[in-house]
Structure formats: structure tokens, C-alpha cells
Amino acid sequence: MKSMITHVLAQAAAPAPLPSVGEQLAQMLPMFIMIIAIFYFVIYRPQKQQREKQQDMINQLKKGDKVVTSGGIWGTVTNVGKETATLQVAENAKIKVVRAHIVRLRGEEDD
């Protein structure tokens, strides 16, 4: 009986063999792939779609569009250049802004 107990204790005390580096990498690879996929679908892809939508809006600016700049200035487009747009912000006040700083078009309900 005593020898059986010592045999069981000897088996229990034996450490399990450590996995090799290759096995550890193989176990971690799916986790890395999941992290990259989450990063792509949650962060990168929505930002890319937003940038494309913003760029399309900027490319389609035309005279008469009511816009808001990144600085919060509301105005009406009076002239569109290659890199700039002229906005009328008051009765006799016009300013020239970089087109990339126009963040959105105003709707009629914004007035």
C-alpha cells in the first residue's frame, strides 16, 4: 500500500513537458489574426469609408452650397478653386478657405 502511494505521488509530482516554441506560436497565431481582424473592421475600415465620403463631398462642391468648416464657420460657397473655396459668411464678407477644411454640407433645417 505504501509503495502504491509513493508511486502515485511520484507521478503527480512529475512536471508536464513544456510546449516547444513552435507550438506556442501556433497556439497564439489565431489570437493575433482575431486582433488584426477586429482592428480592421472596428477602426480602420469605418475611418477609410468616412475619409472617402468626405473626399467625395469636397470634390463635388459647387457654387451655392451651404457648408460648415472645421473651425465652425458657416457660409455659402461663392467660388470653388483647385485647393480653395470662397465662402460668403455675411452680407459683404467673404473668406477663402482650404477645401479640405470644409467638413459638411448644411441642410435647410440647420438654418
C-alpha atoms as a PDB file:
ATOM      1  CA  MET A   1       0.000   0.000   0.000  1.00  0.00           C
ATOM      2  CA  LYS A   2       2.806   2.360   0.897  1.00  0.00           C
ATOM      3  CA  SER A   3       4.566   1.732  -2.401  1.00  0.00           C
ATOM      4  CA  MET A   4       1.370   2.471  -4.306  1.00  0.00           C
ATOM      5  CA  ILE A   5       1.016   5.847  -2.555  1.00  0.00           C
ATOM      6  CA  THR A   6       4.610   6.796  -3.262  1.00  0.00           C
ATOM      7  CA  HIS A   7       4.145   5.734  -6.886  1.00  0.00           C
ATOM      8  CA  VAL A   8       1.043   7.950  -7.221  1.00  0.00           C
ATOM      9  CA  LEU A   9       2.813  10.855  -5.535  1.00  0.00           C
ATOM     10  CA  ALA A  10       5.810  10.428  -7.815  1.00  0.00           C
ATOM     11  CA  GLN A  11       3.586  10.580 -10.878  1.00  0.00           C
ATOM     12  CA  ALA A  12       1.733  13.635  -9.575  1.00  0.00           C
ATOM     13  CA  ALA A  13       4.949  15.481  -8.789  1.00  0.00           C
ATOM     14  CA  ALA A  14       6.432  14.983 -12.256  1.00  0.00           C
ATOM     15  CA  PRO A  15       6.203  18.264 -14.200  1.00  0.00           C
ATOM     16  CA  ALA A  16       4.407  18.277 -17.519  1.00  0.00           C
ATOM     17  CA  PRO A  17       6.655  18.804 -20.533  1.00  0.00           C
ATOM     18  CA  LEU A  18       6.712  22.412 -21.788  1.00  0.00           C
ATOM     19  CA  PRO A  19       5.415  23.061 -25.296  1.00  0.00           C
ATOM     20  CA  SER A  20       8.028  23.986 -27.864  1.00  0.00           C
ATOM     21  CA  VAL A  21       8.346  27.499 -29.244  1.00  0.00           C
ATOM     22  CA  GLY A  22       6.691  26.411 -32.483  1.00  0.00           C
ATOM     23  CA  GLU A  23       3.726  25.001 -30.613  1.00  0.00           C
ATOM     24  CA  GLN A  24       3.400  28.213 -28.591  1.00  0.00           C
ATOM     25  CA  LEU A  25       3.413  30.301 -31.780  1.00  0.00           C
ATOM     26  CA  ALA A  26       0.848  28.013 -33.376  1.00  0.00           C
ATOM     27  CA  GLN A  27      -1.412  28.498 -30.356  1.00  0.00           C
ATOM     28  CA  MET A  28      -1.018  32.294 -30.422  1.00  0.00           C
ATOM     29  CA  LEU A  29      -1.461  32.764 -34.185  1.00  0.00           C
ATOM     30  CA  PRO A  30      -5.294  32.561 -34.198  1.00  0.00           C
ATOM     31  CA  MET A  31      -5.418  35.171 -31.432  1.00  0.00           C
ATOM     32  CA  PHE A  32      -3.230  37.559 -33.442  1.00  0.00           C
ATOM     33  CA  ILE A  33      -5.389  37.037 -36.526  1.00  0.00           C
ATOM     34  CA  MET A  34      -8.508  37.835 -34.496  1.00  0.00           C
ATOM     35  CA  ILE A  35      -6.938  41.013 -33.101  1.00  0.00           C
ATOM     36  CA  ILE A  36      -5.968  42.178 -36.598  1.00  0.00           C
ATOM     37  CA  ALA A  37      -9.469  41.412 -37.927  1.00  0.00           C
ATOM     38  CA  ILE A  38     -11.100  43.329 -35.072  1.00  0.00           C
ATOM     39  CA  PHE A  39      -8.767  46.283 -35.632  1.00  0.00           C
ATOM     40  CA  TYR A  40      -9.612  46.296 -39.357  1.00  0.00           C
ATOM     41  CA  PHE A  41     -13.405  46.044 -39.032  1.00  0.00           C
ATOM     42  CA  VAL A  42     -13.830  48.276 -35.978  1.00  0.00           C
ATOM     43  CA  ILE A  43     -11.264  51.017 -36.572  1.00  0.00           C
ATOM     44  CA  TYR A  44      -9.593  51.116 -39.990  1.00  0.00           C
ATOM     45  CA  ARG A  45     -12.474  50.308 -42.363  1.00  0.00           C
ATOM     46  CA  PRO A  46     -15.023  52.804 -40.922  1.00  0.00           C
ATOM     47  CA  GLN A  47     -12.412  55.575 -40.927  1.00  0.00           C
ATOM     48  CA  LYS A  48     -11.491  54.793 -44.523  1.00  0.00           C
ATOM     49  CA  GLN A  49     -15.155  54.933 -45.582  1.00  0.00           C
ATOM     50  CA  GLN A  50     -15.591  58.243 -43.756  1.00  0.00           C
ATOM     51  CA  ARG A  51     -12.489  59.710 -45.463  1.00  0.00           C
ATOM     52  CA  GLU A  52     -13.767  58.603 -48.887  1.00  0.00           C
ATOM     53  CA  LYS A  53     -17.209  60.101 -48.209  1.00  0.00           C
ATOM     54  CA  GLN A  54     -15.591  63.370 -47.051  1.00  0.00           C
ATOM     55  CA  GLN A  55     -13.358  63.496 -50.139  1.00  0.00           C
ATOM     56  CA  ASP A  56     -16.335  62.878 -52.464  1.00  0.00           C
ATOM     57  CA  MET A  57     -18.249  65.714 -50.794  1.00  0.00           C
ATOM     58  CA  ILE A  58     -15.265  68.064 -51.192  1.00  0.00           C
ATOM     59  CA  ASN A  59     -14.810  67.088 -54.861  1.00  0.00           C
ATOM     60  CA  GLN A  60     -18.498  67.787 -55.593  1.00  0.00           C
ATOM     61  CA  LEU A  61     -18.612  71.273 -54.021  1.00  0.00           C
ATOM     62  CA  LYS A  62     -20.346  73.812 -56.219  1.00  0.00           C
ATOM     63  CA  LYS A  63     -21.395  77.430 -56.083  1.00  0.00           C
ATOM     64  CA  GLY A  64     -24.368  77.942 -53.787  1.00  0.00           C
ATOM     65  CA  ASP A  65     -23.663  75.032 -51.425  1.00  0.00           C
ATOM     66  CA  LYS A  66     -24.132  75.891 -47.775  1.00  0.00           C
ATOM     67  CA  VAL A  67     -21.234  74.459 -45.776  1.00  0.00           C
ATOM     68  CA  VAL A  68     -19.599  74.304 -42.349  1.00  0.00           C
ATOM     69  CA  THR A  69     -15.813  74.437 -41.924  1.00  0.00           C
ATOM     70  CA  SER A  70     -13.702  72.571 -39.385  1.00  0.00           C
ATOM     71  CA  GLY A  71     -13.372  75.858 -37.489  1.00  0.00           C
ATOM     72  CA  GLY A  72     -17.149  76.104 -37.158  1.00  0.00           C
ATOM     73  CA  ILE A  73     -17.661  78.842 -39.758  1.00  0.00           C
ATOM     74  CA  TRP A  74     -20.943  78.659 -41.637  1.00  0.00           C
ATOM     75  CA  GLY A  75     -21.026  80.028 -45.145  1.00  0.00           C
ATOM     76  CA  THR A  76     -22.237  79.725 -48.706  1.00  0.00           C
ATOM     77  CA  VAL A  77     -19.800  78.729 -51.452  1.00  0.00           C
ATOM     78  CA  THR A  78     -19.369  81.544 -53.981  1.00  0.00           C
ATOM     79  CA  ASN A  79     -16.323  80.232 -55.840  1.00  0.00           C
ATOM     80  CA  VAL A  80     -14.526  76.874 -55.978  1.00  0.00           C
ATOM     81  CA  GLY A  81     -10.847  76.670 -56.873  1.00  0.00           C
ATOM     82  CA  LYS A  82      -8.425  73.791 -57.146  1.00  0.00           C
ATOM     83  CA  GLU A  83      -7.438  73.841 -53.456  1.00  0.00           C
ATOM     84  CA  THR A  84      -9.582  76.623 -52.007  1.00  0.00           C
ATOM     85  CA  ALA A  85     -13.184  77.724 -51.827  1.00  0.00           C
ATOM     86  CA  THR A  86     -14.536  81.204 -51.246  1.00  0.00           C
ATOM     87  CA  LEU A  87     -17.340  81.402 -48.714  1.00  0.00           C
ATOM     88  CA  GLN A  88     -19.751  84.234 -48.135  1.00  0.00           C
ATOM     89  CA  VAL A  89     -20.210  84.377 -44.369  1.00  0.00           C
ATOM     90  CA  ALA A  90     -22.166  87.646 -44.099  1.00  0.00           C
ATOM     91  CA  GLU A  91     -23.766  90.279 -46.350  1.00  0.00           C
ATOM     92  CA  ASN A  92     -20.471  91.767 -47.589  1.00  0.00           C
ATOM     93  CA  ALA A  93     -17.958  89.368 -46.031  1.00  0.00           C
ATOM     94  CA  LYS A  94     -16.218  86.647 -47.986  1.00  0.00           C
ATOM     95  CA  ILE A  95     -13.385  84.403 -46.846  1.00  0.00           C
ATOM     96  CA  LYS A  96     -11.167  81.955 -48.665  1.00  0.00           C
ATOM     97  CA  VAL A  97     -10.706  78.536 -47.022  1.00  0.00           C
ATOM     98  CA  VAL A  98      -8.853  75.369 -47.905  1.00  0.00           C
ATOM     99  CA  ARG A  99     -11.381  72.938 -49.378  1.00  0.00           C
ATOM    100  CA  ALA A 100     -10.144  70.114 -47.132  1.00  0.00           C
ATOM    101  CA  HIS A 101     -11.352  72.103 -44.106  1.00  0.00           C
ATOM    102  CA  ILE A 102     -14.971  72.007 -45.219  1.00  0.00           C
ATOM    103  CA  VAL A 103     -16.411  69.235 -43.084  1.00  0.00           C
ATOM    104  CA  ARG A 104     -20.053  69.044 -44.094  1.00  0.00           C
ATOM    105  CA  LEU A 105     -22.890  70.487 -46.121  1.00  0.00           C
ATOM    106  CA  ARG A 106     -25.607  72.309 -44.209  1.00  0.00           C
ATOM    107  CA  GLY A 107     -29.195  71.333 -44.706  1.00  0.00           C
ATOM    108  CA  GLU A 108     -32.209  73.645 -44.762  1.00  0.00           C
ATOM    109  CA  GLU A 109     -33.098  72.563 -41.214  1.00  0.00           C
ATOM    110  CA  ASP A 110     -29.695  73.816 -39.941  1.00  0.00           C
ATOM    111  CA  ASP A 111     -30.681  77.459 -40.541  1.00  0.00           C
END
